[in-house]
Amino acid sequence: MACPSPYPAELRRRAVRMVAEVRPDYDTEWAAMKAVASRLGIGTTETLRTWVRQDVVM
């Protein structure tokens, strides 16, 4: 069984929205995700990338 996320659902939703909002300011989506992850204190950019990909599927 997977461990529950240490990040609240609202933080995950906010982070995904922020990536979409700031994406035009960066050369790549990865750079935008890296900036947002750093700003919000998300452990790794890969974590945020997973949330963004999951949001696209949903």
PDB file of N, CA and C in Angstrom:
ATOM      1  N   MET A   1       0.841  -1.179   0.000  1.00  0.00           N
ATOM      2  CA  MET A   1       0.000   0.000   0.000  1.00  0.00           C
ATOM      3  C   MET A   1       0.885   1.240   0.000  1.00  0.00           C
ATOM      4  N   ALA A   2       0.553   2.215  -0.836  1.00  0.00           N
ATOM      5  CA  ALA A   2       1.342   3.432  -0.955  1.00  0.00           C
ATOM      6  C   ALA A   2       1.153   4.321   0.269  1.00  0.00           C
ATOM      7  N   CYS A   3       2.193   5.044   0.585  1.00  0.00           N
ATOM      8  CA  CYS A   3       2.113   5.997   1.687  1.00  0.00           C
ATOM      9  C   CYS A   3       1.298   7.208   1.246  1.00  0.00           C
ATOM     10  N   PRO A   4       0.555   7.798   2.163  1.00  0.00           N
ATOM     11  CA  PRO A   4      -0.189   9.000   1.798  1.00  0.00           C
ATOM     12  C   PRO A   4       0.784  10.135   1.483  1.00  0.00           C
ATOM     13  N   SER A   5       0.389  10.989   0.561  1.00  0.00           N
ATOM     14  CA  SER A   5       1.243  12.101   0.156  1.00  0.00           C
ATOM     15  C   SER A   5       1.414  13.084   1.309  1.00  0.00           C
ATOM     16  N   PRO A   6       2.627  13.599   1.490  1.00  0.00           N
ATOM     17  CA  PRO A   6       2.828  14.618   2.521  1.00  0.00           C
ATOM     18  C   PRO A   6       2.312  15.983   2.065  1.00  0.00           C
ATOM     19  N   TYR A   7       1.879  16.067   0.801  1.00  0.00           N
ATOM     20  CA  TYR A   7       1.403  17.329   0.246  1.00  0.00           C
ATOM     21  C   TYR A   7      -0.124  17.325   0.184  1.00  0.00           C
ATOM     22  N   PRO A   8      -0.761  18.350   0.735  1.00  0.00           N
ATOM     23  CA  PRO A   8      -2.221  18.420   0.684  1.00  0.00           C
ATOM     24  C   PRO A   8      -2.725  18.552  -0.760  1.00  0.00           C
ATOM     25  N   ALA A   9      -3.930  18.093  -0.993  1.00  0.00           N
ATOM     26  CA  ALA A   9      -4.514  18.127  -2.340  1.00  0.00           C
ATOM     27  C   ALA A   9      -4.565  19.547  -2.886  1.00  0.00           C
ATOM     28  N   GLU A  10      -4.865  20.522  -2.047  1.00  0.00           N
ATOM     29  CA  GLU A  10      -4.943  21.909  -2.518  1.00  0.00           C
ATOM     30  C   GLU A  10      -3.584  22.407  -3.008  1.00  0.00           C
ATOM     31  N   LEU A  11      -2.512  22.024  -2.332  1.00  0.00           N
ATOM     32  CA  LEU A  11      -1.173  22.407  -2.791  1.00  0.00           C
ATOM     33  C   LEU A  11      -0.887  21.782  -4.152  1.00  0.00           C
ATOM     34  N   ARG A  12      -1.263  20.539  -4.334  1.00  0.00           N
ATOM     35  CA  ARG A  12      -1.048  19.877  -5.624  1.00  0.00           C
ATOM     36  C   ARG A  12      -1.814  20.589  -6.736  1.00  0.00           C
ATOM     37  N   ARG A  13      -3.077  20.923  -6.475  1.00  0.00           N
ATOM     38  CA  ARG A  13      -3.880  21.641  -7.483  1.00  0.00           C
ATOM     39  C   ARG A  13      -3.285  23.015  -7.781  1.00  0.00           C
ATOM     40  N   ARG A  14      -2.868  23.710  -6.742  1.00  0.00           N
ATOM     41  CA  ARG A  14      -2.274  25.045  -6.917  1.00  0.00           C
ATOM     42  C   ARG A  14      -0.999  24.964  -7.741  1.00  0.00           C
ATOM     43  N   ALA A  15      -0.162  23.989  -7.457  1.00  0.00           N
ATOM     44  CA  ALA A  15       1.101  23.831  -8.171  1.00  0.00           C
ATOM     45  C   ALA A  15       0.853  23.570  -9.655  1.00  0.00           C
ATOM     46  N   VAL A  16      -0.110  22.713  -9.968  1.00  0.00           N
ATOM     47  CA  VAL A  16      -0.426  22.409 -11.370  1.00  0.00           C
ATOM     48  C   VAL A  16      -0.930  23.662 -12.078  1.00  0.00           C
ATOM     49  N   ARG A  17      -1.796  24.431 -11.407  1.00  0.00           N
ATOM     50  CA  ARG A  17      -2.287  25.688 -11.989  1.00  0.00           C
ATOM     51  C   ARG A  17      -1.144  26.665 -12.234  1.00  0.00           C
ATOM     52  N   MET A  18      -0.234  26.761 -11.262  1.00  0.00           N
ATOM     53  CA  MET A  18       0.892  27.691 -11.389  1.00  0.00           C
ATOM     54  C   MET A  18       1.776  27.334 -12.577  1.00  0.00           C
ATOM     55  N   VAL A  19       2.009  26.049 -12.788  1.00  0.00           N
ATOM     56  CA  VAL A  19       2.824  25.632 -13.934  1.00  0.00           C
ATOM     57  C   VAL A  19       2.187  26.133 -15.221  1.00  0.00           C
ATOM     58  N   ALA A  20       0.880  25.956 -15.355  1.00  0.00           N
ATOM     59  CA  ALA A  20       0.183  26.410 -16.560  1.00  0.00           C
ATOM     60  C   ALA A  20       0.274  27.926 -16.715  1.00  0.00           C
ATOM     61  N   GLU A  21       0.185  28.642 -15.604  1.00  0.00           N
ATOM     62  CA  GLU A  21       0.217  30.105 -15.655  1.00  0.00           C
ATOM     63  C   GLU A  21       1.587  30.664 -16.014  1.00  0.00           C
ATOM     64  N   VAL A  22       2.653  30.057 -15.480  1.00  0.00           N
ATOM     65  CA  VAL A  22       3.997  30.613 -15.702  1.00  0.00           C
ATOM     66  C   VAL A  22       4.711  30.001 -16.898  1.00  0.00           C
ATOM     67  N   ARG A  23       4.131  28.956 -17.489  1.00  0.00           N
ATOM     68  CA  ARG A  23       4.789  28.259 -18.609  1.00  0.00           C
ATOM     69  C   ARG A  23       5.266  29.202 -19.711  1.00  0.00           C
ATOM     70  N   PRO A  24       4.486  30.228 -20.126  1.00  0.00           N
ATOM     71  CA  PRO A  24       4.961  31.127 -21.191  1.00  0.00           C
ATOM     72  C   PRO A  24       6.225  31.922 -20.823  1.00  0.00           C
ATOM     73  N   ASP A  25       6.514  32.043 -19.537  1.00  0.00           N
ATOM     74  CA  ASP A  25       7.683  32.806 -19.089  1.00  0.00           C
ATOM     75  C   ASP A  25       8.983  32.005 -19.163  1.00  0.00           C
ATOM     76  N   TYR A  26       8.909  30.717 -19.481  1.00  0.00           N
ATOM     77  CA  TYR A  26      10.075  29.838 -19.490  1.00  0.00           C
ATOM     78  C   TYR A  26      10.246  29.173 -20.852  1.00  0.00           C
ATOM     79  N   ASP A  27      11.479  28.796 -21.152  1.00  0.00           N
ATOM     80  CA  ASP A  27      11.776  28.144 -22.437  1.00  0.00           C
ATOM     81  C   ASP A  27      11.166  26.752 -22.536  1.00  0.00           C
ATOM     82  N   THR A  28      11.098  26.047 -21.411  1.00  0.00           N
ATOM     83  CA  THR A  28      10.578  24.677 -21.418  1.00  0.00           C
ATOM     84  C   THR A  28       9.594  24.490 -20.272  1.00  0.00           C
ATOM     85  N   GLU A  29       8.762  23.455 -20.416  1.00  0.00           N
ATOM     86  CA  GLU A  29       7.827  23.128 -19.342  1.00  0.00           C
ATOM     87  C   GLU A  29       8.601  22.691 -18.094  1.00  0.00           C
ATOM     88  N   TRP A  30       9.695  21.974 -18.303  1.00  0.00           N
ATOM     89  CA  TRP A  30      10.507  21.509 -17.172  1.00  0.00           C
ATOM     90  C   TRP A  30      11.036  22.694 -16.358  1.00  0.00           C
ATOM     91  N   ALA A  31      11.488  23.742 -17.041  1.00  0.00           N
ATOM     92  CA  ALA A  31      11.991  24.933 -16.346  1.00  0.00           C
ATOM     93  C   ALA A  31      10.880  25.585 -15.530  1.00  0.00           C
ATOM     94  N   ALA A  32       9.673  25.628 -16.079  1.00  0.00           N
ATOM     95  CA  ALA A  32       8.532  26.186 -15.346  1.00  0.00           C
ATOM     96  C   ALA A  32       8.227  25.337 -14.117  1.00  0.00           C
ATOM     97  N   MET A  33       8.228  24.016 -14.291  1.00  0.00           N
ATOM     98  CA  MET A  33       7.954  23.122 -13.161  1.00  0.00           C
ATOM     99  C   MET A  33       9.035  23.245 -12.095  1.00  0.00           C
ATOM    100  N   LYS A  34      10.275  23.377 -12.515  1.00  0.00           N
ATOM    101  CA  LYS A  34      11.388  23.515 -11.571  1.00  0.00           C
ATOM    102  C   LYS A  34      11.225  24.784 -10.725  1.00  0.00           C
ATOM    103  N   ALA A  35      10.833  25.878 -11.383  1.00  0.00           N
ATOM    104  CA  ALA A  35      10.637  27.147 -10.672  1.00  0.00           C
ATOM    105  C   ALA A  35       9.483  27.053  -9.681  1.00  0.00           C
ATOM    106  N   VAL A  36       8.380  26.463 -10.108  1.00  0.00           N
ATOM    107  CA  VAL A  36       7.207  26.334  -9.236  1.00  0.00           C
ATOM    108  C   VAL A  36       7.522  25.408  -8.062  1.00  0.00           C
ATOM    109  N   ALA A  37       8.171  24.294  -8.327  1.00  0.00           N
ATOM    110  CA  ALA A  37       8.529  23.357  -7.254  1.00  0.00           C
ATOM    111  C   ALA A  37       9.395  24.040  -6.209  1.00  0.00           C
ATOM    112  N   SER A  38      10.349  24.815  -6.675  1.00  0.00           N
ATOM    113  CA  SER A  38      11.229  25.525  -5.758  1.00  0.00           C
ATOM    114  C   SER A  38      10.457  26.562  -4.948  1.00  0.00           C
ATOM    115  N   ARG A  39       9.599  27.303  -5.607  1.00  0.00           N
ATOM    116  CA  ARG A  39       8.827  28.355  -4.947  1.00  0.00           C
ATOM    117  C   ARG A  39       7.897  27.796  -3.878  1.00  0.00           C
ATOM    118  N   LEU A  40       7.304  26.628  -4.146  1.00  0.00           N
ATOM    119  CA  LEU A  40       6.336  26.055  -3.209  1.00  0.00           C
ATOM    120  C   LEU A  40       6.950  25.062  -2.227  1.00  0.00           C
ATOM    121  N   GLY A  41       8.241  24.798  -2.354  1.00  0.00           N
ATOM    122  CA  GLY A  41       8.898  23.877  -1.423  1.00  0.00           C
ATOM    123  C   GLY A  41       8.568  22.421  -1.674  1.00  0.00           C
ATOM    124  N   ILE A  42       8.297  22.095  -2.934  1.00  0.00           N
ATOM    125  CA  ILE A  42       8.022  20.703  -3.298  1.00  0.00           C
ATOM    126  C   ILE A  42       9.365  20.003  -3.454  1.00  0.00           C
ATOM    127  N   GLY A  43       9.509  18.854  -2.829  1.00  0.00           N
ATOM    128  CA  GLY A  43      10.794  18.159  -2.748  1.00  0.00           C
ATOM    129  C   GLY A  43      11.550  18.016  -4.055  1.00  0.00           C
ATOM    130  N   THR A  44      10.891  17.521  -5.099  1.00  0.00           N
ATOM    131  CA  THR A  44      11.580  17.351  -6.375  1.00  0.00           C
ATOM    132  C   THR A  44      10.682  17.824  -7.516  1.00  0.00           C
ATOM    133  N   THR A  45      11.307  18.234  -8.580  1.00  0.00           N
ATOM    134  CA  THR A  45      10.564  18.645  -9.764  1.00  0.00           C
ATOM    135  C   THR A  45       9.816  17.461 -10.352  1.00  0.00           C
ATOM    136  N   GLU A  46      10.369  16.280 -10.229  1.00  0.00           N
ATOM    137  CA  GLU A  46       9.720  15.076 -10.755  1.00  0.00           C
ATOM    138  C   GLU A  46       8.362  14.842 -10.086  1.00  0.00           C
ATOM    139  N   THR A  47       8.249  15.157  -8.809  1.00  0.00           N
ATOM    140  CA  THR A  47       6.974  15.040  -8.109  1.00  0.00           C
ATOM    141  C   THR A  47       5.932  15.929  -8.777  1.00  0.00           C
ATOM    142  N   LEU A  48       6.304  17.165  -9.040  1.00  0.00           N
ATOM    143  CA  LEU A  48       5.384  18.099  -9.691  1.00  0.00           C
ATOM    144  C   LEU A  48       5.081  17.653 -11.122  1.00  0.00           C
ATOM    145  N   ARG A  49       6.056  17.132 -11.832  1.00  0.00           N
ATOM    146  CA  ARG A  49       5.828  16.647 -13.192  1.00  0.00           C
ATOM    147  C   ARG A  49       4.763  15.541 -13.178  1.00  0.00           C
ATOM    148  N   THR A  50       4.826  14.660 -12.189  1.00  0.00           N
ATOM    149  CA  THR A  50       3.840  13.587 -12.059  1.00  0.00           C
ATOM    150  C   THR A  50       2.442  14.174 -11.852  1.00  0.00           C
ATOM    151  N   TRP A  51       2.330  15.183 -10.994  1.00  0.00           N
ATOM    152  CA  TRP A  51       1.026  15.803 -10.766  1.00  0.00           C
ATOM    153  C   TRP A  51       0.488  16.440 -12.042  1.00  0.00           C
ATOM    154  N   VAL A  52       1.358  17.111 -12.782  1.00  0.00           N
ATOM    155  CA  VAL A  52       0.940  17.763 -14.023  1.00  0.00           C
ATOM    156  C   VAL A  52       0.453  16.699 -15.004  1.00  0.00           C
ATOM    157  N   ARG A  53       1.183  15.600 -15.148  1.00  0.00           N
ATOM    158  CA  ARG A  53       0.786  14.529 -16.076  1.00  0.00           C
ATOM    159  C   ARG A  53      -0.531  13.884 -15.637  1.00  0.00           C
ATOM    160  N   GLN A  54      -0.719  13.686 -14.334  1.00  0.00           N
ATOM    161  CA  GLN A  54      -1.953  13.119 -13.825  1.00  0.00           C
ATOM    162  C   GLN A  54      -3.130  14.040 -14.090  1.00  0.00           C
ATOM    163  N   ASP A  55      -2.909  15.338 -13.981  1.00  0.00           N
ATOM    164  CA  ASP A  55      -3.967  16.311 -14.208  1.00  0.00           C
ATOM    165  C   ASP A  55      -4.407  16.301 -15.668  1.00  0.00           C
ATOM    166  N   VAL A  56      -3.499  16.076 -16.589  1.00  0.00           N
ATOM    167  CA  VAL A  56      -3.826  16.029 -18.010  1.00  0.00           C
ATOM    168  C   VAL A  56      -4.720  14.830 -18.286  1.00  0.00           C
ATOM    169  N   VAL A  57      -4.460  13.721 -17.623  1.00  0.00           N
ATOM    170  CA  VAL A  57      -5.228  12.492 -17.826  1.00  0.00           C
ATOM    171  C   VAL A  57      -6.637  12.641 -17.264  1.00  0.00           C
ATOM    172  N   MET A  58      -6.775  13.329 -16.157  1.00  0.00           N
ATOM    173  CA  MET A  58      -8.066  13.446 -15.476  1.00  0.00           C
ATOM    174  C   MET A  58      -8.950  14.428 -16.148  1.00  0.00           C
TER     175      MET A  58
END
